[in-house]
Amino acid sequence: MPTLKFKGKQHIYAHHLTVLYRPLEPDETGSCNPTNTPATKDGNTTTT
């Protein structure tokens, strides 16, 4: 199987280890789909 070889490959490969983990939290104020909006039968939300 062919592989790519380039300078700094190991640094880029291990980059995910340096990124801080933070769980995603929903923000209802900036949501495009608020929880109180009814959904149509095709899954899209309606706006009034």
PDB file of N, CA and C in Angstrom:
ATOM      1  N   MET A   1       0.838  -1.171   0.000  1.00  0.00           N
ATOM      2  CA  MET A   1       0.000   0.000   0.000  1.00  0.00           C
ATOM      3  C   MET A   1       0.890   1.243   0.000  1.00  0.00           C
ATOM      4  N   PRO A   2       0.649   2.186  -0.904  1.00  0.00           N
ATOM      5  CA  PRO A   2       1.472   3.388  -0.942  1.00  0.00           C
ATOM      6  C   PRO A   2       1.226   4.290   0.265  1.00  0.00           C
ATOM      7  N   THR A   3       2.259   4.977   0.705  1.00  0.00           N
ATOM      8  CA  THR A   3       2.143   5.906   1.818  1.00  0.00           C
ATOM      9  C   THR A   3       2.780   7.234   1.440  1.00  0.00           C
ATOM     10  N   LEU A   4       2.326   8.291   2.059  1.00  0.00           N
ATOM     11  CA  LEU A   4       2.925   9.606   1.857  1.00  0.00           C
ATOM     12  C   LEU A   4       4.008   9.830   2.897  1.00  0.00           C
ATOM     13  N   LYS A   5       5.138  10.336   2.460  1.00  0.00           N
ATOM     14  CA  LYS A   5       6.230  10.668   3.367  1.00  0.00           C
ATOM     15  C   LYS A   5       6.564  12.128   3.182  1.00  0.00           C
ATOM     16  N   PHE A   6       6.540  12.880   4.274  1.00  0.00           N
ATOM     17  CA  PHE A   6       6.895  14.287   4.204  1.00  0.00           C
ATOM     18  C   PHE A   6       7.444  14.730   5.549  1.00  0.00           C
ATOM     19  N   LYS A   7       8.190  15.822   5.523  1.00  0.00           N
ATOM     20  CA  LYS A   7       8.819  16.348   6.717  1.00  0.00           C
ATOM     21  C   LYS A   7       7.748  16.832   7.696  1.00  0.00           C
ATOM     22  N   GLY A   8       7.820  16.422   8.939  1.00  0.00           N
ATOM     23  CA  GLY A   8       6.866  16.835   9.956  1.00  0.00           C
ATOM     24  C   GLY A   8       5.615  15.973  10.038  1.00  0.00           C
ATOM     25  N   LYS A   9       5.594  14.849   9.356  1.00  0.00           N
ATOM     26  CA  LYS A   9       4.405  13.992   9.333  1.00  0.00           C
ATOM     27  C   LYS A   9       4.046  13.500  10.733  1.00  0.00           C
ATOM     28  N   GLN A  10       5.004  13.106  11.531  1.00  0.00           N
ATOM     29  CA  GLN A  10       4.715  12.614  12.876  1.00  0.00           C
ATOM     30  C   GLN A  10       4.111  13.707  13.751  1.00  0.00           C
ATOM     31  N   HIS A  11       4.572  14.946  13.575  1.00  0.00           N
ATOM     32  CA  HIS A  11       4.018  16.059  14.352  1.00  0.00           C
ATOM     33  C   HIS A  11       2.542  16.269  13.993  1.00  0.00           C
ATOM     34  N   ILE A  12       2.232  16.236  12.727  1.00  0.00           N
ATOM     35  CA  ILE A  12       0.849  16.415  12.286  1.00  0.00           C
ATOM     36  C   ILE A  12      -0.006  15.220  12.713  1.00  0.00           C
ATOM     37  N   TYR A  13       0.533  14.032  12.622  1.00  0.00           N
ATOM     38  CA  TYR A  13      -0.202  12.823  12.999  1.00  0.00           C
ATOM     39  C   TYR A  13      -0.569  12.840  14.483  1.00  0.00           C
ATOM     40  N   ALA A  14       0.306  13.391  15.339  1.00  0.00           N
ATOM     41  CA  ALA A  14       0.078  13.413  16.776  1.00  0.00           C
ATOM     42  C   ALA A  14      -0.574  14.711  17.247  1.00  0.00           C
ATOM     43  N   HIS A  15      -0.982  15.585  16.336  1.00  0.00           N
ATOM     44  CA  HIS A  15      -1.554  16.881  16.707  1.00  0.00           C
ATOM     45  C   HIS A  15      -2.818  16.734  17.552  1.00  0.00           C
ATOM     46  N   HIS A  16      -3.630  15.715  17.280  1.00  0.00           N
ATOM     47  CA  HIS A  16      -4.871  15.542  18.043  1.00  0.00           C
ATOM     48  C   HIS A  16      -4.616  15.305  19.527  1.00  0.00           C
ATOM     49  N   LEU A  17      -3.444  14.900  19.889  1.00  0.00           N
ATOM     50  CA  LEU A  17      -3.130  14.674  21.295  1.00  0.00           C
ATOM     51  C   LEU A  17      -2.927  15.988  22.047  1.00  0.00           C
ATOM     52  N   THR A  18      -2.606  17.073  21.336  1.00  0.00           N
ATOM     53  CA  THR A  18      -2.363  18.349  21.982  1.00  0.00           C
ATOM     54  C   THR A  18      -3.614  19.225  22.067  1.00  0.00           C
ATOM     55  N   VAL A  19      -4.661  18.871  21.322  1.00  0.00           N
ATOM     56  CA  VAL A  19      -5.884  19.663  21.331  1.00  0.00           C
ATOM     57  C   VAL A  19      -6.687  19.323  22.581  1.00  0.00           C
ATOM     58  N   LEU A  20      -7.094  20.352  23.313  1.00  0.00           N
ATOM     59  CA  LEU A  20      -7.852  20.128  24.540  1.00  0.00           C
ATOM     60  C   LEU A  20      -9.248  19.595  24.232  1.00  0.00           C
ATOM     61  N   TYR A  21      -9.690  18.642  25.034  1.00  0.00           N
ATOM     62  CA  TYR A  21     -11.021  18.059  24.876  1.00  0.00           C
ATOM     63  C   TYR A  21     -12.020  18.887  25.658  1.00  0.00           C
ATOM     64  N   ARG A  22     -13.110  19.214  25.019  1.00  0.00           N
ATOM     65  CA  ARG A  22     -14.179  19.935  25.695  1.00  0.00           C
ATOM     66  C   ARG A  22     -15.499  19.437  25.119  1.00  0.00           C
ATOM     67  N   PRO A  23     -16.406  18.950  25.962  1.00  0.00           N
ATOM     68  CA  PRO A  23     -17.665  18.432  25.431  1.00  0.00           C
ATOM     69  C   PRO A  23     -18.529  19.551  24.849  1.00  0.00           C
ATOM     70  N   LEU A  24     -19.287  19.212  23.816  1.00  0.00           N
ATOM     71  CA  LEU A  24     -20.188  20.179  23.206  1.00  0.00           C
ATOM     72  C   LEU A  24     -21.428  20.334  24.058  1.00  0.00           C
ATOM     73  N   GLU A  25     -21.848  21.571  24.241  1.00  0.00           N
ATOM     74  CA  GLU A  25     -23.046  21.850  25.017  1.00  0.00           C
ATOM     75  C   GLU A  25     -24.013  22.635  24.140  1.00  0.00           C
ATOM     76  N   PRO A  26     -25.273  22.213  24.060  1.00  0.00           N
ATOM     77  CA  PRO A  26     -26.231  22.940  23.221  1.00  0.00           C
ATOM     78  C   PRO A  26     -26.514  24.331  23.767  1.00  0.00           C
ATOM     79  N   ASP A  27     -26.664  25.288  22.865  1.00  0.00           N
ATOM     80  CA  ASP A  27     -26.973  26.667  23.223  1.00  0.00           C
ATOM     81  C   ASP A  27     -28.296  27.025  22.550  1.00  0.00           C
ATOM     82  N   GLU A  28     -29.359  27.031  23.314  1.00  0.00           N
ATOM     83  CA  GLU A  28     -30.683  27.277  22.755  1.00  0.00           C
ATOM     84  C   GLU A  28     -30.829  28.684  22.187  1.00  0.00           C
ATOM     85  N   THR A  29     -30.044  29.648  22.676  1.00  0.00           N
ATOM     86  CA  THR A  29     -30.175  31.014  22.175  1.00  0.00           C
ATOM     87  C   THR A  29     -29.636  31.143  20.756  1.00  0.00           C
ATOM     88  N   GLY A  30     -28.703  30.327  20.379  1.00  0.00           N
ATOM     89  CA  GLY A  30     -28.131  30.393  19.041  1.00  0.00           C
ATOM     90  C   GLY A  30     -28.545  29.242  18.160  1.00  0.00           C
ATOM     91  N   SER A  31     -29.551  28.496  18.578  1.00  0.00           N
ATOM     92  CA  SER A  31     -29.965  27.312  17.851  1.00  0.00           C
ATOM     93  C   SER A  31     -30.830  27.667  16.649  1.00  0.00           C
ATOM     94  N   CYS A  32     -30.651  26.938  15.563  1.00  0.00           N
ATOM     95  CA  CYS A  32     -31.510  27.089  14.383  1.00  0.00           C
ATOM     96  C   CYS A  32     -32.754  26.232  14.518  1.00  0.00           C
ATOM     97  N   ASN A  33     -32.771  25.348  15.481  1.00  0.00           N
ATOM     98  CA  ASN A  33     -33.888  24.445  15.692  1.00  0.00           C
ATOM     99  C   ASN A  33     -34.234  24.420  17.181  1.00  0.00           C
ATOM    100  N   PRO A  34     -34.940  25.449  17.674  1.00  0.00           N
ATOM    101  CA  PRO A  34     -35.298  25.470  19.090  1.00  0.00           C
ATOM    102  C   PRO A  34     -36.177  24.270  19.456  1.00  0.00           C
ATOM    103  N   THR A  35     -36.106  23.864  20.713  1.00  0.00           N
ATOM    104  CA  THR A  35     -36.852  22.677  21.139  1.00  0.00           C
ATOM    105  C   THR A  35     -38.352  22.899  21.149  1.00  0.00           C
ATOM    106  N   ASN A  36     -38.823  24.136  21.216  1.00  0.00           N
ATOM    107  CA  ASN A  36     -40.259  24.361  21.250  1.00  0.00           C
ATOM    108  C   ASN A  36     -40.869  24.550  19.859  1.00  0.00           C
ATOM    109  N   THR A  37     -40.075  24.383  18.801  1.00  0.00           N
ATOM    110  CA  THR A  37     -40.593  24.502  17.445  1.00  0.00           C
ATOM    111  C   THR A  37     -41.116  23.143  16.987  1.00  0.00           C
ATOM    112  N   PRO A  38     -42.373  23.066  16.530  1.00  0.00           N
ATOM    113  CA  PRO A  38     -42.901  21.782  16.067  1.00  0.00           C
ATOM    114  C   PRO A  38     -42.270  21.373  14.740  1.00  0.00           C
ATOM    115  N   ALA A  39     -42.069  20.095  14.570  1.00  0.00           N
ATOM    116  CA  ALA A  39     -41.491  19.579  13.335  1.00  0.00           C
ATOM    117  C   ALA A  39     -42.605  19.085  12.422  1.00  0.00           C
ATOM    118  N   THR A  40     -42.402  19.216  11.121  1.00  0.00           N
ATOM    119  CA  THR A  40     -43.363  18.708  10.159  1.00  0.00           C
ATOM    120  C   THR A  40     -43.126  17.227   9.959  1.00  0.00           C
ATOM    121  N   LYS A  41     -43.980  16.587   9.160  1.00  0.00           N
ATOM    122  CA  LYS A  41     -43.837  15.136   9.000  1.00  0.00           C
ATOM    123  C   LYS A  41     -42.565  14.740   8.263  1.00  0.00           C
ATOM    124  N   ASP A  42     -41.951  15.667   7.501  1.00  0.00           N
ATOM    125  CA  ASP A  42     -40.709  15.338   6.827  1.00  0.00           C
ATOM    126  C   ASP A  42     -39.474  15.660   7.673  1.00  0.00           C
ATOM    127  N   GLY A  43     -39.669  16.128   8.916  1.00  0.00           N
ATOM    128  CA  GLY A  43     -38.566  16.367   9.825  1.00  0.00           C
ATOM    129  C   GLY A  43     -38.091  17.800   9.855  1.00  0.00           C
ATOM    130  N   ASN A  44     -38.575  18.639   8.926  1.00  0.00           N
ATOM    131  CA  ASN A  44     -38.178  20.045   8.926  1.00  0.00           C
ATOM    132  C   ASN A  44     -39.041  20.814   9.921  1.00  0.00           C
ATOM    133  N   THR A  45     -38.495  21.904  10.414  1.00  0.00           N
ATOM    134  CA  THR A  45     -39.248  22.717  11.357  1.00  0.00           C
ATOM    135  C   THR A  45     -39.980  23.824  10.632  1.00  0.00           C
ATOM    136  N   THR A  46     -41.049  24.275  11.227  1.00  0.00           N
ATOM    137  CA  THR A  46     -41.830  25.372  10.642  1.00  0.00           C
ATOM    138  C   THR A  46     -41.525  26.646  11.391  1.00  0.00           C
ATOM    139  N   THR A  47     -41.588  27.768  10.692  1.00  0.00           N
ATOM    140  CA  THR A  47     -41.396  29.062  11.338  1.00  0.00           C
ATOM    141  C   THR A  47     -42.657  29.891  11.157  1.00  0.00           C
ATOM    142  N   THR A  48     -42.951  30.728  12.129  1.00  0.00           N
ATOM    143  CA  THR A  48     -44.145  31.563  12.037  1.00  0.00           C
ATOM    144  C   THR A  48     -43.766  33.015  12.031  1.00  0.00           C
TER     145      THR A  48
END
